[in-house]
Amino acid sequence: MDRFIARSASLATMLILSYCRDSQARYSSEPSWRHWNEAHATFYGGSDATGTMDGACGYGNLYSQGYGINTAALSTVLFNNGAACGGCYESKCWNDTQWCNPGNPSVFVTATNLCPPNDLLPNDDGGWCNLPREHFDMSQPAFSQIAFWRAGIVPVLYRRVPCHKQGGMRFTMNGNPWFNLVFPFDILHFSPSSWRN
């Protein structure tokens, strides 16, 4: 049993070091943080964002894990088979004077879920997350920072931004006699002023 625990601890350490190295490499390889892309945004989960918990990235309770309410489910093309999980994005409503909040403020969200496609609906009428659309299905509190919730869907500009994190790293470890599951994650804290224009 002691040998099993020692191996588990060694494996956990290797995974954490690999996670940190890959995370740094992912951000440094981005060509530009200033390039804006066009997409659309909707919302889900209710006004307190409780309906956004869990999700395809496996983060569980987003409150207790440090992600808060500024989260989004990404369409298939943006989700990229889970590679986007934990990534941070700046988004702002644009080109819709009826529904965009005055001044077109930005919201910073973390990708925590997949917005599944619905091939029974057309891409421009309900199938918002169908291929090849780029789409953010935000928590309602995040969406409300950029647009009036009654809009339902708005055009947005978005860009990938670095996740400025503080508070250290936490990880959970569980499994069974046949495998160990180590889940490292950073505690998020956004500092948007450090990368805005």
Protein backbone atom coordinates (compact mmCIF):
# COMPACT_ATOMS: atom_id res chain seq x y z
CA MET A 1 0.00 0.00 0.00
CA ASP A 2 2.87 2.40 0.82
CA ARG A 3 4.37 1.75 -2.61
CA PHE A 4 0.99 2.53 -4.23
CA ILE A 5 0.78 5.87 -2.36
CA ALA A 6 4.36 6.76 -3.28
CA ARG A 7 3.72 6.03 -6.95
CA SER A 8 0.51 8.05 -6.84
CA ALA A 9 2.29 11.03 -5.31
CA SER A 10 5.08 10.78 -7.88
CA LEU A 11 2.56 10.63 -10.72
CA ALA A 12 0.66 13.61 -9.30
CA THR A 13 3.86 15.67 -9.15
CA MET A 14 4.76 14.82 -12.75
CA LEU A 15 1.28 15.72 -13.98
CA ILE A 16 1.29 19.04 -12.14
CA LEU A 17 4.68 20.01 -13.56
CA SER A 18 3.54 19.01 -17.04
CA TYR A 19 0.32 21.00 -16.63
CA CYS A 20 2.22 24.15 -15.62
CA ARG A 21 4.69 23.82 -18.50
CA ASP A 22 1.93 23.20 -21.07
CA SER A 23 -0.14 26.08 -19.73
CA GLN A 24 2.76 28.52 -20.12
CA ALA A 25 3.57 27.22 -23.60
CA ARG A 26 -0.05 27.55 -24.70
CA TYR A 27 -0.14 31.23 -23.85
CA SER A 28 3.29 32.11 -25.23
CA SER A 29 2.52 30.46 -28.58
CA GLU A 30 -0.52 32.65 -29.29
CA PRO A 31 0.27 34.93 -32.25
CA SER A 32 -1.51 38.00 -30.88
CA TRP A 33 -3.78 38.87 -27.99
CA ARG A 34 -5.12 41.90 -29.83
CA HIS A 35 -6.79 40.24 -32.81
CA TRP A 36 -10.60 40.36 -32.62
CA ASN A 37 -12.85 37.72 -34.21
CA GLU A 38 -16.57 37.77 -34.95
CA ALA A 39 -19.01 35.39 -33.27
CA HIS A 40 -22.39 35.40 -31.52
CA ALA A 41 -23.38 34.94 -27.89
CA THR A 42 -26.38 33.57 -26.04
CA PHE A 43 -26.82 32.66 -22.36
CA TYR A 44 -27.98 29.76 -20.20
CA GLY A 45 -28.19 28.79 -16.56
CA GLY A 46 -30.42 31.44 -14.97
CA SER A 47 -29.68 34.74 -13.28
CA ASP A 48 -27.51 33.17 -10.53
CA ALA A 49 -25.56 30.93 -12.95
CA THR A 50 -26.32 27.79 -10.93
CA GLY A 51 -27.47 26.05 -14.10
CA THR A 52 -23.96 26.29 -15.56
CA MET A 53 -22.33 23.98 -12.99
CA ASP A 54 -20.48 20.83 -14.06
CA GLY A 55 -20.12 20.68 -17.83
CA ALA A 56 -17.94 19.03 -20.44
CA CYS A 57 -14.65 20.32 -19.00
CA GLY A 58 -15.26 18.42 -15.75
CA TYR A 59 -14.70 21.35 -13.40
CA GLY A 60 -17.68 20.48 -11.19
CA ASN A 61 -19.02 23.27 -8.99
CA LEU A 62 -17.68 26.43 -10.62
CA TYR A 63 -18.19 28.47 -7.44
CA SER A 64 -16.13 26.22 -5.17
CA GLN A 65 -13.48 25.62 -7.85
CA GLY A 66 -12.81 29.35 -8.20
CA TYR A 67 -14.29 30.02 -11.65
CA GLY A 68 -17.23 32.09 -10.43
CA ILE A 69 -20.02 33.22 -12.72
CA ASN A 70 -18.07 34.59 -15.72
CA THR A 71 -18.06 31.34 -17.66
CA ALA A 72 -19.12 30.14 -21.10
CA ALA A 73 -19.88 27.01 -23.08
CA LEU A 74 -18.14 27.13 -26.46
CA SER A 75 -19.43 25.90 -29.80
CA THR A 76 -17.82 22.77 -31.24
CA VAL A 77 -15.31 24.64 -33.39
CA LEU A 78 -14.10 26.78 -30.47
CA PHE A 79 -14.24 23.96 -27.90
CA ASN A 80 -11.78 21.99 -30.05
CA ASN A 81 -12.36 18.60 -28.39
CA GLY A 82 -11.71 20.11 -24.95
CA ALA A 83 -8.46 21.90 -25.79
CA ALA A 84 -10.15 25.23 -25.00
CA CYS A 85 -11.14 24.19 -21.46
CA GLY A 86 -9.89 26.72 -18.93
CA GLY A 87 -9.02 29.25 -21.64
CA CYS A 88 -9.92 32.89 -21.08
CA TYR A 89 -11.71 35.14 -23.56
CA GLU A 90 -12.61 38.80 -23.77
CA SER A 91 -15.90 39.44 -25.54
CA LYS A 92 -18.04 42.47 -26.26
CA CYS A 93 -21.36 43.02 -27.96
CA TRP A 94 -21.13 44.96 -31.20
CA ASN A 95 -23.14 46.12 -34.20
CA ASP A 96 -26.50 45.92 -32.39
CA THR A 97 -27.61 49.30 -31.07
CA GLN A 98 -30.89 47.88 -29.75
CA TRP A 99 -29.43 45.21 -27.45
CA CYS A 100 -25.76 46.01 -26.73
CA ASN A 101 -25.10 47.70 -23.39
CA PRO A 102 -24.13 51.37 -23.74
CA GLY A 103 -20.44 51.86 -24.39
CA ASN A 104 -19.94 48.25 -25.53
CA PRO A 105 -18.21 47.05 -22.34
CA SER A 106 -16.16 43.85 -22.36
CA VAL A 107 -16.72 40.72 -20.31
CA PHE A 108 -13.97 38.22 -19.49
CA VAL A 109 -15.09 34.59 -19.40
CA THR A 110 -13.49 31.20 -18.88
CA ALA A 111 -14.38 28.25 -21.10
CA THR A 112 -15.91 25.58 -18.86
CA ASN A 113 -18.37 23.70 -21.08
CA LEU A 114 -19.34 22.62 -24.59
CA CYS A 115 -22.37 24.12 -26.32
CA PRO A 116 -23.58 21.07 -28.27
CA PRO A 117 -24.70 21.41 -31.87
CA ASN A 118 -28.34 20.88 -32.80
CA ASP A 119 -28.41 19.70 -36.39
CA LEU A 120 -32.22 19.68 -36.40
CA LEU A 121 -32.20 23.50 -36.37
CA PRO A 122 -30.65 25.83 -38.95
CA ASN A 123 -27.43 27.64 -38.01
CA ASP A 124 -29.16 31.03 -38.09
CA ASP A 125 -32.30 29.99 -36.20
CA GLY A 126 -31.60 28.00 -33.05
CA GLY A 127 -28.60 25.93 -34.15
CA TRP A 128 -26.23 28.56 -32.82
CA CYS A 129 -23.55 26.04 -31.84
CA ASN A 130 -23.63 24.06 -35.08
CA LEU A 131 -20.49 23.68 -37.16
CA PRO A 132 -18.82 25.84 -38.37
CA ARG A 133 -20.21 28.67 -36.18
CA GLU A 134 -18.07 30.33 -33.53
CA HIS A 135 -20.39 30.87 -30.58
CA PHE A 136 -20.33 31.59 -26.83
CA ASP A 137 -23.18 30.35 -24.65
CA MET A 138 -22.42 32.42 -21.56
CA SER A 139 -23.79 32.32 -18.06
CA GLN A 140 -26.62 34.84 -17.80
CA PRO A 141 -24.67 37.15 -15.42
CA ALA A 142 -21.75 37.26 -17.91
CA PHE A 143 -24.05 37.90 -20.89
CA SER A 144 -25.83 40.68 -18.98
CA GLN A 145 -22.52 42.55 -18.68
CA ILE A 146 -22.43 43.09 -22.45
CA ALA A 147 -26.08 43.03 -23.57
CA PHE A 148 -29.67 43.14 -22.40
CA TRP A 149 -30.73 39.59 -21.56
CA ARG A 150 -34.01 39.97 -23.46
CA ALA A 151 -32.02 40.00 -26.71
CA GLY A 152 -31.43 36.25 -26.46
CA ILE A 153 -28.61 36.34 -29.01
CA VAL A 154 -26.22 39.13 -30.00
CA PRO A 155 -23.24 39.52 -32.33
CA VAL A 156 -19.94 39.78 -30.46
CA LEU A 157 -16.29 40.43 -31.02
CA TYR A 158 -13.99 38.15 -29.05
CA ARG A 159 -10.32 37.42 -28.55
CA ARG A 160 -8.36 34.91 -26.53
CA VAL A 161 -6.60 36.59 -23.61
CA PRO A 162 -4.12 35.35 -21.03
CA CYS A 163 -5.63 34.12 -17.78
CA HIS A 164 -4.06 36.20 -15.05
CA LYS A 165 -4.15 33.93 -12.04
CA GLN A 166 -3.27 34.22 -8.41
CA GLY A 167 -3.94 32.20 -5.31
CA GLY A 168 -1.77 29.22 -6.13
CA MET A 169 -2.66 25.84 -7.50
CA ARG A 170 -5.02 23.23 -6.14
CA PHE A 171 -5.58 19.69 -7.27
CA THR A 172 -7.87 16.83 -6.45
CA MET A 173 -6.87 13.23 -6.56
CA ASN A 174 -9.17 10.24 -6.64
CA GLY A 175 -9.64 6.98 -8.46
CA ASN A 176 -9.92 3.31 -7.60
CA PRO A 177 -7.64 0.25 -7.42
CA TRP A 178 -7.19 0.33 -11.22
CA PHE A 179 -6.41 4.01 -11.90
CA ASN A 180 -5.62 7.37 -10.35
CA LEU A 181 -7.23 10.61 -11.46
CA VAL A 182 -5.27 13.79 -10.74
CA PHE A 183 -7.02 17.05 -11.59
CA PRO A 184 -4.82 20.19 -11.26
CA PHE A 185 -6.29 23.66 -11.63
CA ASP A 186 -5.34 27.24 -10.95
CA ILE A 187 -7.37 29.66 -8.90
CA LEU A 188 -8.53 32.35 -11.32
CA HIS A 189 -8.36 36.06 -10.77
CA PHE A 190 -8.78 38.35 -13.74
CA SER A 191 -6.75 41.53 -14.10
CA PRO A 192 -8.21 42.85 -17.34
CA SER A 193 -6.47 46.24 -17.18
CA SER A 194 -3.12 44.54 -17.79
CA TRP A 195 -4.02 43.44 -21.32
CA ARG A 196 -6.68 45.87 -22.49
CA ASN A 197 -5.70 47.97 -25.53
